[in-house]
Amino acid sequence: MTTICNDPGADAQRNAYNAAFHELGLSWFWDAGHYASALSGNDHRTGLRNYLAQHQPHLLSAHDADFLIEAILSTKERCHAQLSGAGCNPGAFINWSEIQQRQIGV
């Protein structure tokens, strides 16, 4: 699977989200299309809230939306800082779905 890097800043943010999802044990993977549709025209909190309501409503019956959003955003920011601080290109393509499959034994 390849991806076209049209916006390195958006790719870096998307990679950080996917790293956060992976770290939090969420089996989500946002490709460029999912990232754009989830956050299109929204601030990240609103975009995440809408994504949870539309695609992960079962989590909202067990967890407070604000708690989940804060956990995702704070983990995403830390992951982005770690990727950047380690000298990585935070916008480089990382196949998080493949990494997750290996960990869960798929």
PDB file of N, CA and C in Angstrom:
ATOM      1  N   MET A   1       0.850  -1.176   0.000  1.00  0.00           N
ATOM      2  CA  MET A   1       0.000   0.000   0.000  1.00  0.00           C
ATOM      3  C   MET A   1       0.892   1.235   0.000  1.00  0.00           C
ATOM      4  N   THR A   2       0.634   2.171  -0.867  1.00  0.00           N
ATOM      5  CA  THR A   2       1.407   3.405  -0.913  1.00  0.00           C
ATOM      6  C   THR A   2       0.472   4.569  -0.680  1.00  0.00           C
ATOM      7  N   THR A   3       1.074   5.677  -0.362  1.00  0.00           N
ATOM      8  CA  THR A   3       0.284   6.878  -0.166  1.00  0.00           C
ATOM      9  C   THR A   3       0.980   8.042  -0.848  1.00  0.00           C
ATOM     10  N   ILE A   4       0.212   8.942  -1.358  1.00  0.00           N
ATOM     11  CA  ILE A   4       0.752  10.131  -1.996  1.00  0.00           C
ATOM     12  C   ILE A   4       0.763  11.239  -0.956  1.00  0.00           C
ATOM     13  N   CYS A   5       1.914  11.839  -0.790  1.00  0.00           N
ATOM     14  CA  CYS A   5       2.074  12.866   0.224  1.00  0.00           C
ATOM     15  C   CYS A   5       1.780  14.228  -0.394  1.00  0.00           C
ATOM     16  N   ASN A   6       0.535  14.671  -0.274  1.00  0.00           N
ATOM     17  CA  ASN A   6       0.154  15.978  -0.796  1.00  0.00           C
ATOM     18  C   ASN A   6       0.375  17.077   0.225  1.00  0.00           C
ATOM     19  N   ASP A   7       0.328  16.736   1.476  1.00  0.00           N
ATOM     20  CA  ASP A   7       0.480  17.707   2.542  1.00  0.00           C
ATOM     21  C   ASP A   7       1.281  17.061   3.672  1.00  0.00           C
ATOM     22  N   PRO A   8       2.591  17.303   3.712  1.00  0.00           N
ATOM     23  CA  PRO A   8       3.421  16.659   4.733  1.00  0.00           C
ATOM     24  C   PRO A   8       2.960  16.954   6.158  1.00  0.00           C
ATOM     25  N   GLY A   9       2.425  18.138   6.404  1.00  0.00           N
ATOM     26  CA  GLY A   9       1.930  18.461   7.743  1.00  0.00           C
ATOM     27  C   GLY A   9       0.737  17.607   8.124  1.00  0.00           C
ATOM     28  N   ALA A  10      -0.189  17.421   7.190  1.00  0.00           N
ATOM     29  CA  ALA A  10      -1.352  16.580   7.444  1.00  0.00           C
ATOM     30  C   ALA A  10      -0.925  15.124   7.588  1.00  0.00           C
ATOM     31  N   ASP A  11       0.028  14.677   6.780  1.00  0.00           N
ATOM     32  CA  ASP A  11       0.516  13.307   6.893  1.00  0.00           C
ATOM     33  C   ASP A  11       1.175  13.077   8.242  1.00  0.00           C
ATOM     34  N   ALA A  12       1.912  14.061   8.736  1.00  0.00           N
ATOM     35  CA  ALA A  12       2.552  13.942  10.045  1.00  0.00           C
ATOM     36  C   ALA A  12       1.499  13.837  11.147  1.00  0.00           C
ATOM     37  N   GLN A  13       0.459  14.647  11.061  1.00  0.00           N
ATOM     38  CA  GLN A  13      -0.618  14.590  12.049  1.00  0.00           C
ATOM     39  C   GLN A  13      -1.353  13.252  11.969  1.00  0.00           C
ATOM     40  N   ARG A  14      -1.609  12.784  10.754  1.00  0.00           N
ATOM     41  CA  ARG A  14      -2.296  11.499  10.567  1.00  0.00           C
ATOM     42  C   ARG A  14      -1.461  10.362  11.135  1.00  0.00           C
ATOM     43  N   ASN A  15      -0.158  10.374  10.878  1.00  0.00           N
ATOM     44  CA  ASN A  15       0.714   9.347  11.446  1.00  0.00           C
ATOM     45  C   ASN A  15       0.697   9.390  12.962  1.00  0.00           C
ATOM     46  N   ALA A  16       0.680  10.589  13.521  1.00  0.00           N
ATOM     47  CA  ALA A  16       0.637  10.715  14.979  1.00  0.00           C
ATOM     48  C   ALA A  16      -0.685  10.192  15.531  1.00  0.00           C
ATOM     49  N   TYR A  17      -1.781  10.449  14.840  1.00  0.00           N
ATOM     50  CA  TYR A  17      -3.071   9.882  15.258  1.00  0.00           C
ATOM     51  C   TYR A  17      -3.008   8.357  15.221  1.00  0.00           C
ATOM     52  N   ASN A  18      -2.506   7.797  14.129  1.00  0.00           N
ATOM     53  CA  ASN A  18      -2.434   6.347  14.021  1.00  0.00           C
ATOM     54  C   ASN A  18      -1.524   5.746  15.081  1.00  0.00           C
ATOM     55  N   ALA A  19      -0.431   6.425  15.403  1.00  0.00           N
ATOM     56  CA  ALA A  19       0.448   5.964  16.479  1.00  0.00           C
ATOM     57  C   ALA A  19      -0.297   5.996  17.811  1.00  0.00           C
ATOM     58  N   ALA A  20      -1.078   7.047  18.030  1.00  0.00           N
ATOM     59  CA  ALA A  20      -1.860   7.164  19.270  1.00  0.00           C
ATOM     60  C   ALA A  20      -2.908   6.063  19.348  1.00  0.00           C
ATOM     61  N   PHE A  21      -3.609   5.820  18.251  1.00  0.00           N
ATOM     62  CA  PHE A  21      -4.605   4.747  18.238  1.00  0.00           C
ATOM     63  C   PHE A  21      -3.939   3.420  18.599  1.00  0.00           C
ATOM     64  N   HIS A  22      -2.786   3.172  17.980  1.00  0.00           N
ATOM     65  CA  HIS A  22      -2.042   1.942  18.237  1.00  0.00           C
ATOM     66  C   HIS A  22      -1.651   1.843  19.709  1.00  0.00           C
ATOM     67  N   GLU A  23      -1.107   2.926  20.250  1.00  0.00           N
ATOM     68  CA  GLU A  23      -0.662   2.928  21.643  1.00  0.00           C
ATOM     69  C   GLU A  23      -1.823   2.747  22.615  1.00  0.00           C
ATOM     70  N   LEU A  24      -2.966   3.315  22.302  1.00  0.00           N
ATOM     71  CA  LEU A  24      -4.132   3.218  23.173  1.00  0.00           C
ATOM     72  C   LEU A  24      -4.904   1.905  22.999  1.00  0.00           C
ATOM     73  N   GLY A  25      -4.433   1.054  22.104  1.00  0.00           N
ATOM     74  CA  GLY A  25      -5.085  -0.237  21.903  1.00  0.00           C
ATOM     75  C   GLY A  25      -6.332  -0.166  21.049  1.00  0.00           C
ATOM     76  N   LEU A  26      -6.484   0.921  20.313  1.00  0.00           N
ATOM     77  CA  LEU A  26      -7.626   1.078  19.414  1.00  0.00           C
ATOM     78  C   LEU A  26      -7.235   0.527  18.047  1.00  0.00           C
ATOM     79  N   SER A  27      -8.021  -0.327  17.484  1.00  0.00           N
ATOM     80  CA  SER A  27      -7.666  -0.948  16.206  1.00  0.00           C
ATOM     81  C   SER A  27      -8.118  -0.111  15.022  1.00  0.00           C
ATOM     82  N   TRP A  28      -7.980   1.198  15.177  1.00  0.00           N
ATOM     83  CA  TRP A  28      -8.354   2.122  14.104  1.00  0.00           C
ATOM     84  C   TRP A  28      -7.127   2.436  13.282  1.00  0.00           C
ATOM     85  N   PHE A  29      -7.367   2.717  12.016  1.00  0.00           N
ATOM     86  CA  PHE A  29      -6.313   3.200  11.129  1.00  0.00           C
ATOM     87  C   PHE A  29      -6.935   4.220  10.207  1.00  0.00           C
ATOM     88  N   TRP A  30      -6.384   5.421  10.237  1.00  0.00           N
ATOM     89  CA  TRP A  30      -6.869   6.460   9.339  1.00  0.00           C
ATOM     90  C   TRP A  30      -5.912   6.586   8.170  1.00  0.00           C
ATOM     91  N   ASP A  31      -6.391   6.253   6.970  1.00  0.00           N
ATOM     92  CA  ASP A  31      -5.633   6.593   5.779  1.00  0.00           C
ATOM     93  C   ASP A  31      -5.933   8.057   5.477  1.00  0.00           C
ATOM     94  N   ALA A  32      -5.392   8.569   4.398  1.00  0.00           N
ATOM     95  CA  ALA A  32      -5.569   9.996   4.090  1.00  0.00           C
ATOM     96  C   ALA A  32      -7.044  10.358   3.948  1.00  0.00           C
ATOM     97  N   GLY A  33      -7.830   9.475   3.360  1.00  0.00           N
ATOM     98  CA  GLY A  33      -9.260   9.739   3.182  1.00  0.00           C
ATOM     99  C   GLY A  33     -10.022   9.779   4.492  1.00  0.00           C
ATOM    100  N   HIS A  34      -9.753   8.803   5.367  1.00  0.00           N
ATOM    101  CA  HIS A  34     -10.405   8.787   6.679  1.00  0.00           C
ATOM    102  C   HIS A  34     -10.019  10.030   7.493  1.00  0.00           C
ATOM    103  N   TYR A  35      -8.742  10.370   7.458  1.00  0.00           N
ATOM    104  CA  TYR A  35      -8.270  11.543   8.196  1.00  0.00           C
ATOM    105  C   TYR A  35      -8.982  12.794   7.707  1.00  0.00           C
ATOM    106  N   ALA A  36      -9.039  12.961   6.399  1.00  0.00           N
ATOM    107  CA  ALA A  36      -9.672  14.151   5.827  1.00  0.00           C
ATOM    108  C   ALA A  36     -11.159  14.207   6.153  1.00  0.00           C
ATOM    109  N   SER A  37     -11.847  13.078   6.057  1.00  0.00           N
ATOM    110  CA  SER A  37     -13.288  13.106   6.327  1.00  0.00           C
ATOM    111  C   SER A  37     -13.578  13.286   7.813  1.00  0.00           C
ATOM    112  N   ALA A  38     -12.742  12.736   8.679  1.00  0.00           N
ATOM    113  CA  ALA A  38     -12.981  12.857  10.120  1.00  0.00           C
ATOM    114  C   ALA A  38     -12.743  14.278  10.608  1.00  0.00           C
ATOM    115  N   LEU A  39     -11.749  14.934  10.047  1.00  0.00           N
ATOM    116  CA  LEU A  39     -11.378  16.244  10.568  1.00  0.00           C
ATOM    117  C   LEU A  39     -11.680  17.389   9.617  1.00  0.00           C
ATOM    118  N   SER A  40     -12.262  17.093   8.472  1.00  0.00           N
ATOM    119  CA  SER A  40     -12.556  18.106   7.464  1.00  0.00           C
ATOM    120  C   SER A  40     -13.429  19.222   8.016  1.00  0.00           C
ATOM    121  N   GLY A  41     -12.905  20.416   7.983  1.00  0.00           N
ATOM    122  CA  GLY A  41     -13.671  21.584   8.394  1.00  0.00           C
ATOM    123  C   GLY A  41     -13.942  21.674   9.885  1.00  0.00           C
ATOM    124  N   ASN A  42     -13.413  20.759  10.657  1.00  0.00           N
ATOM    125  CA  ASN A  42     -13.644  20.752  12.094  1.00  0.00           C
ATOM    126  C   ASN A  42     -12.331  20.964  12.843  1.00  0.00           C
ATOM    127  N   ASP A  43     -12.451  21.502  14.049  1.00  0.00           N
ATOM    128  CA  ASP A  43     -11.280  21.434  14.904  1.00  0.00           C
ATOM    129  C   ASP A  43     -11.137  19.970  15.301  1.00  0.00           C
ATOM    130  N   HIS A  44      -9.998  19.590  15.802  1.00  0.00           N
ATOM    131  CA  HIS A  44      -9.739  18.173  16.056  1.00  0.00           C
ATOM    132  C   HIS A  44     -10.673  17.581  17.112  1.00  0.00           C
ATOM    133  N   ARG A  45     -11.011  18.346  18.132  1.00  0.00           N
ATOM    134  CA  ARG A  45     -11.932  17.839  19.157  1.00  0.00           C
ATOM    135  C   ARG A  45     -13.307  17.535  18.563  1.00  0.00           C
ATOM    136  N   THR A  46     -13.821  18.457  17.782  1.00  0.00           N
ATOM    137  CA  THR A  46     -15.135  18.253  17.153  1.00  0.00           C
ATOM    138  C   THR A  46     -15.074  17.102  16.164  1.00  0.00           C
ATOM    139  N   GLY A  47     -14.002  17.033  15.384  1.00  0.00           N
ATOM    140  CA  GLY A  47     -13.842  15.941  14.428  1.00  0.00           C
ATOM    141  C   GLY A  47     -13.792  14.586  15.115  1.00  0.00           C
ATOM    142  N   LEU A  48     -13.047  14.499  16.216  1.00  0.00           N
ATOM    143  CA  LEU A  48     -12.989  13.245  16.962  1.00  0.00           C
ATOM    144  C   LEU A  48     -14.337  12.891  17.578  1.00  0.00           C
ATOM    145  N   ARG A  49     -15.009  13.891  18.115  1.00  0.00           N
ATOM    146  CA  ARG A  49     -16.336  13.660  18.708  1.00  0.00           C
ATOM    147  C   ARG A  49     -17.295  13.106  17.642  1.00  0.00           C
ATOM    148  N   ASN A  50     -17.292  13.705  16.461  1.00  0.00           N
ATOM    149  CA  ASN A  50     -18.152  13.237  15.371  1.00  0.00           C
ATOM    150  C   ASN A  50     -17.759  11.827  14.923  1.00  0.00           C
ATOM    151  N   TYR A  51     -16.463  11.579  14.823  1.00  0.00           N
ATOM    152  CA  TYR A  51     -15.991  10.247  14.422  1.00  0.00           C
ATOM    153  C   TYR A  51     -16.445   9.193  15.428  1.00  0.00           C
ATOM    154  N   LEU A  52     -16.272   9.486  16.715  1.00  0.00           N
ATOM    155  CA  LEU A  52     -16.711   8.545  17.744  1.00  0.00           C
ATOM    156  C   LEU A  52     -18.211   8.269  17.637  1.00  0.00           C
ATOM    157  N   ALA A  53     -18.994   9.312  17.480  1.00  0.00           N
ATOM    158  CA  ALA A  53     -20.450   9.154  17.404  1.00  0.00           C
ATOM    159  C   ALA A  53     -20.871   8.353  16.173  1.00  0.00           C
ATOM    160  N   GLN A  54     -20.200   8.569  15.055  1.00  0.00           N
ATOM    161  CA  GLN A  54     -20.591   7.909  13.809  1.00  0.00           C
ATOM    162  C   GLN A  54     -20.002   6.513  13.639  1.00  0.00           C
ATOM    163  N   HIS A  55     -18.745   6.326  14.086  1.00  0.00           N
ATOM    164  CA  HIS A  55     -18.041   5.084  13.769  1.00  0.00           C
ATOM    165  C   HIS A  55     -17.697   4.206  14.974  1.00  0.00           C
ATOM    166  N   GLN A  56     -17.740   4.761  16.169  1.00  0.00           N
ATOM    167  CA  GLN A  56     -17.378   3.995  17.364  1.00  0.00           C
ATOM    168  C   GLN A  56     -18.367   4.251  18.505  1.00  0.00           C
ATOM    169  N   PRO A  57     -19.665   4.243  18.229  1.00  0.00           N
ATOM    170  CA  PRO A  57     -20.627   4.618  19.266  1.00  0.00           C
ATOM    171  C   PRO A  57     -20.618   3.687  20.483  1.00  0.00           C
ATOM    172  N   HIS A  58     -20.200   2.448  20.297  1.00  0.00           N
ATOM    173  CA  HIS A  58     -20.140   1.521  21.419  1.00  0.00           C
ATOM    174  C   HIS A  58     -19.171   1.997  22.501  1.00  0.00           C
ATOM    175  N   LEU A  59     -18.128   2.716  22.102  1.00  0.00           N
ATOM    176  CA  LEU A  59     -17.179   3.239  23.094  1.00  0.00           C
ATOM    177  C   LEU A  59     -17.811   4.317  23.959  1.00  0.00           C
ATOM    178  N   LEU A  60     -18.766   5.036  23.386  1.00  0.00           N
ATOM    179  CA  LEU A  60     -19.405   6.121  24.138  1.00  0.00           C
ATOM    180  C   LEU A  60     -20.378   5.602  25.186  1.00  0.00           C
ATOM    181  N   SER A  61     -20.771   4.342  25.077  1.00  0.00           N
ATOM    182  CA  SER A  61     -21.624   3.778  26.121  1.00  0.00           C
ATOM    183  C   SER A  61     -20.795   3.336  27.325  1.00  0.00           C
ATOM    184  N   ALA A  62     -19.494   3.161  27.121  1.00  0.00           N
ATOM    185  CA  ALA A  62     -18.613   2.725  28.206  1.00  0.00           C
ATOM    186  C   ALA A  62     -17.701   3.832  28.717  1.00  0.00           C
ATOM    187  N   HIS A  63     -17.454   4.852  27.906  1.00  0.00           N
ATOM    188  CA  HIS A  63     -16.500   5.910  28.258  1.00  0.00           C
ATOM    189  C   HIS A  63     -17.084   7.278  27.942  1.00  0.00           C
ATOM    190  N   ASP A  64     -16.696   8.245  28.717  1.00  0.00           N
ATOM    191  CA  ASP A  64     -17.075   9.621  28.467  1.00  0.00           C
ATOM    192  C   ASP A  64     -16.357  10.123  27.213  1.00  0.00           C
ATOM    193  N   ALA A  65     -17.068  10.794  26.332  1.00  0.00           N
ATOM    194  CA  ALA A  65     -16.492  11.283  25.077  1.00  0.00           C
ATOM    195  C   ALA A  65     -15.318  12.214  25.337  1.00  0.00           C
ATOM    196  N   ASP A  66     -15.451  13.126  26.288  1.00  0.00           N
ATOM    197  CA  ASP A  66     -14.356  14.055  26.570  1.00  0.00           C
ATOM    198  C   ASP A  66     -13.110  13.326  27.047  1.00  0.00           C
ATOM    199  N   PHE A  67     -13.298  12.278  27.858  1.00  0.00           N
ATOM    200  CA  PHE A  67     -12.162  11.474  28.324  1.00  0.00           C
ATOM    201  C   PHE A  67     -11.449  10.825  27.141  1.00  0.00           C
ATOM    202  N   LEU A  68     -12.202  10.198  26.248  1.00  0.00           N
ATOM    203  CA  LEU A  68     -11.607   9.547  25.081  1.00  0.00           C
ATOM    204  C   LEU A  68     -10.891  10.545  24.183  1.00  0.00           C
ATOM    205  N   ILE A  69     -11.537  11.667  23.935  1.00  0.00           N
ATOM    206  CA  ILE A  69     -10.945  12.686  23.062  1.00  0.00           C
ATOM    207  C   ILE A  69      -9.651  13.211  23.663  1.00  0.00           C
ATOM    208  N   GLU A  70      -9.646  13.497  24.949  1.00  0.00           N
ATOM    209  CA  GLU A  70      -8.439  13.994  25.604  1.00  0.00           C
ATOM    210  C   GLU A  70      -7.327  12.958  25.568  1.00  0.00           C
ATOM    211  N   ALA A  71      -7.671  11.692  25.804  1.00  0.00           N
ATOM    212  CA  ALA A  71      -6.665  10.631  25.754  1.00  0.00           C
ATOM    213  C   ALA A  71      -6.051  10.530  24.360  1.00  0.00           C
ATOM    214  N   ILE A  72      -6.890  10.587  23.335  1.00  0.00           N
ATOM    215  CA  ILE A  72      -6.392  10.500  21.961  1.00  0.00           C
ATOM    216  C   ILE A  72      -5.528  11.708  21.626  1.00  0.00           C
ATOM    217  N   LEU A  73      -6.019  12.904  21.932  1.00  0.00           N
ATOM    218  CA  LEU A  73      -5.266  14.111  21.571  1.00  0.00           C
ATOM    219  C   LEU A  73      -3.943  14.217  22.311  1.00  0.00           C
ATOM    220  N   SER A  74      -3.930  13.920  23.597  1.00  0.00           N
ATOM    221  CA  SER A  74      -2.671  14.036  24.344  1.00  0.00           C
ATOM    222  C   SER A  74      -1.672  12.970  23.887  1.00  0.00           C
ATOM    223  N   THR A  75      -2.152  11.774  23.604  1.00  0.00           N
ATOM    224  CA  THR A  75      -1.262  10.723  23.108  1.00  0.00           C
ATOM    225  C   THR A  75      -0.765  11.068  21.713  1.00  0.00           C
ATOM    226  N   LYS A  76      -1.646  11.617  20.886  1.00  0.00           N
ATOM    227  CA  LYS A  76      -1.243  12.029  19.532  1.00  0.00           C
ATOM    228  C   LYS A  76      -0.153  13.091  19.574  1.00  0.00           C
ATOM    229  N   GLU A  77      -0.305  14.072  20.449  1.00  0.00           N
ATOM    230  CA  GLU A  77       0.703  15.134  20.554  1.00  0.00           C
ATOM    231  C   GLU A  77       2.046  14.572  21.012  1.00  0.00           C
ATOM    232  N   ARG A  78       2.014  13.673  21.988  1.00  0.00           N
ATOM    233  CA  ARG A  78       3.247  13.070  22.471  1.00  0.00           C
ATOM    234  C   ARG A  78       3.899  12.215  21.388  1.00  0.00           C
ATOM    235  N   CYS A  79       3.107  11.441  20.660  1.00  0.00           N
ATOM    236  CA  CYS A  79       3.637  10.619  19.570  1.00  0.00           C
ATOM    237  C   CYS A  79       4.258  11.487  18.478  1.00  0.00           C
ATOM    238  N   HIS A  80       3.598  12.582  18.146  1.00  0.00           N
ATOM    239  CA  HIS A  80       4.132  13.495  17.129  1.00  0.00           C
ATOM    240  C   HIS A  80       5.471  14.064  17.591  1.00  0.00           C
ATOM    241  N   ALA A  81       5.547  14.474  18.846  1.00  0.00           N
ATOM    242  CA  ALA A  81       6.798  15.024  19.389  1.00  0.00           C
ATOM    243  C   ALA A  81       7.894  13.966  19.398  1.00  0.00           C
ATOM    244  N   GLN A  82       7.543  12.731  19.741  1.00  0.00           N
ATOM    245  CA  GLN A  82       8.539  11.659  19.770  1.00  0.00           C
ATOM    246  C   GLN A  82       9.048  11.337  18.369  1.00  0.00           C
ATOM    247  N   LEU A  83       8.140  11.260  17.397  1.00  0.00           N
ATOM    248  CA  LEU A  83       8.562  10.993  16.025  1.00  0.00           C
ATOM    249  C   LEU A  83       9.482  12.100  15.520  1.00  0.00           C
ATOM    250  N   SER A  84       9.116  13.340  15.784  1.00  0.00           N
ATOM    251  CA  SER A  84       9.921  14.479  15.339  1.00  0.00           C
ATOM    252  C   SER A  84      11.240  14.539  16.094  1.00  0.00           C
ATOM    253  N   GLY A  85      11.184  14.352  17.417  1.00  0.00           N
ATOM    254  CA  GLY A  85      12.368  14.446  18.254  1.00  0.00           C
ATOM    255  C   GLY A  85      13.383  13.359  18.000  1.00  0.00           C
ATOM    256  N   ALA A  86      12.928  12.214  17.498  1.00  0.00           N
ATOM    257  CA  ALA A  86      13.834  11.096  17.214  1.00  0.00           C
ATOM    258  C   ALA A  86      14.511  11.260  15.858  1.00  0.00           C
ATOM    259  N   GLY A  87      14.220  12.364  15.190  1.00  0.00           N
ATOM    260  CA  GLY A  87      14.826  12.598  13.890  1.00  0.00           C
ATOM    261  C   GLY A  87      14.080  11.932  12.753  1.00  0.00           C
ATOM    262  N   CYS A  88      12.915  11.380  13.048  1.00  0.00           N
ATOM    263  CA  CYS A  88      12.105  10.745  12.006  1.00  0.00           C
ATOM    264  C   CYS A  88      11.413  11.818  11.176  1.00  0.00           C
ATOM    265  N   ASN A  89      11.089  11.467   9.973  1.00  0.00           N
ATOM    266  CA  ASN A  89      10.236  12.320   9.166  1.00  0.00           C
ATOM    267  C   ASN A  89       8.809  11.988   9.581  1.00  0.00           C
ATOM    268  N   PRO A  90       8.175  12.856  10.379  1.00  0.00           N
ATOM    269  CA  PRO A  90       6.852  12.507  10.887  1.00  0.00           C
ATOM    270  C   PRO A  90       5.781  12.388   9.811  1.00  0.00           C
ATOM    271  N   GLY A  91       6.074  12.846   8.596  1.00  0.00           N
ATOM    272  CA  GLY A  91       5.121  12.729   7.502  1.00  0.00           C
ATOM    273  C   GLY A  91       5.362  11.507   6.631  1.00  0.00           C
ATOM    274  N   ALA A  92       6.407  10.726   6.936  1.00  0.00           N
ATOM    275  CA  ALA A  92       6.697   9.532   6.138  1.00  0.00           C
ATOM    276  C   ALA A  92       5.598   8.498   6.336  1.00  0.00           C
ATOM    277  N   PHE A  93       5.384   7.683   5.326  1.00  0.00           N
ATOM    278  CA  PHE A  93       4.329   6.679   5.402  1.00  0.00           C
ATOM    279  C   PHE A  93       4.709   5.591   6.390  1.00  0.00           C
ATOM    280  N   ILE A  94       3.819   5.313   7.319  1.00  0.00           N
ATOM    281  CA  ILE A  94       3.959   4.214   8.275  1.00  0.00           C
ATOM    282  C   ILE A  94       2.688   3.386   8.154  1.00  0.00           C
ATOM    283  N   ASN A  95       2.835   2.105   7.928  1.00  0.00           N
ATOM    284  CA  ASN A  95       1.673   1.237   7.776  1.00  0.00           C
ATOM    285  C   ASN A  95       1.251   0.716   9.148  1.00  0.00           C
ATOM    286  N   TRP A  96       0.498   1.550   9.875  1.00  0.00           N
ATOM    287  CA  TRP A  96       0.075   1.196  11.226  1.00  0.00           C
ATOM    288  C   TRP A  96      -0.868   0.013  11.231  1.00  0.00           C
ATOM    289  N   SER A  97      -1.669  -0.147  10.186  1.00  0.00           N
ATOM    290  CA  SER A  97      -2.594  -1.280  10.161  1.00  0.00           C
ATOM    291  C   SER A  97      -1.814  -2.592  10.088  1.00  0.00           C
ATOM    292  N   GLU A  98      -0.715  -2.608   9.364  1.00  0.00           N
ATOM    293  CA  GLU A  98       0.112  -3.813   9.300  1.00  0.00           C
ATOM    294  C   GLU A  98       0.770  -4.084  10.652  1.00  0.00           C
ATOM    295  N   ILE A  99       1.241  -3.058  11.307  1.00  0.00           N
ATOM    296  CA  ILE A  99       1.847  -3.215  12.624  1.00  0.00           C
ATOM    297  C   ILE A  99       0.820  -3.756  13.611  1.00  0.00           C
ATOM    298  N   GLN A 100      -0.384  -3.224  13.590  1.00  0.00           N
ATOM    299  CA  GLN A 100      -1.433  -3.687  14.495  1.00  0.00           C
ATOM    300  C   GLN A 100      -1.802  -5.134  14.210  1.00  0.00           C
ATOM    301  N   GLN A 101      -1.855  -5.529  12.960  1.00  0.00           N
ATOM    302  CA  GLN A 101      -2.215  -6.904  12.621  1.00  0.00           C
ATOM    303  C   GLN A 101      -1.215  -7.878  13.210  1.00  0.00           C
ATOM    304  N   ARG A 102       0.049  -7.552  13.172  1.00  0.00           N
ATOM    305  CA  ARG A 102       1.060  -8.448  13.715  1.00  0.00           C
ATOM    306  C   ARG A 102       0.925  -8.576  15.229  1.00  0.00           C
ATOM    307  N   GLN A 103       0.542  -7.504  15.897  1.00  0.00           N
ATOM    308  CA  GLN A 103       0.427  -7.558  17.339  1.00  0.00           C
ATOM    309  C   GLN A 103      -0.798  -8.310  17.799  1.00  0.00           C
ATOM    310  N   ILE A 104      -1.876  -8.251  17.046  1.00  0.00           N
ATOM    311  CA  ILE A 104      -3.087  -8.947  17.492  1.00  0.00           C
ATOM    312  C   ILE A 104      -3.200 -10.329  16.857  1.00  0.00           C
ATOM    313  N   GLY A 105      -2.198 -10.702  16.089  1.00  0.00           N
ATOM    314  CA  GLY A 105      -2.158 -12.050  15.540  1.00  0.00           C
ATOM    315  C   GLY A 105      -3.044 -12.306  14.349  1.00  0.00           C
ATOM    316  N   VAL A 106      -3.396 -11.257  13.625  1.00  0.00           N
ATOM    317  CA  VAL A 106      -4.244 -11.424  12.443  1.00  0.00           C
ATOM    318  C   VAL A 106      -3.386 -11.895  11.280  1.00  0.00           C
TER     319      VAL A 106
END
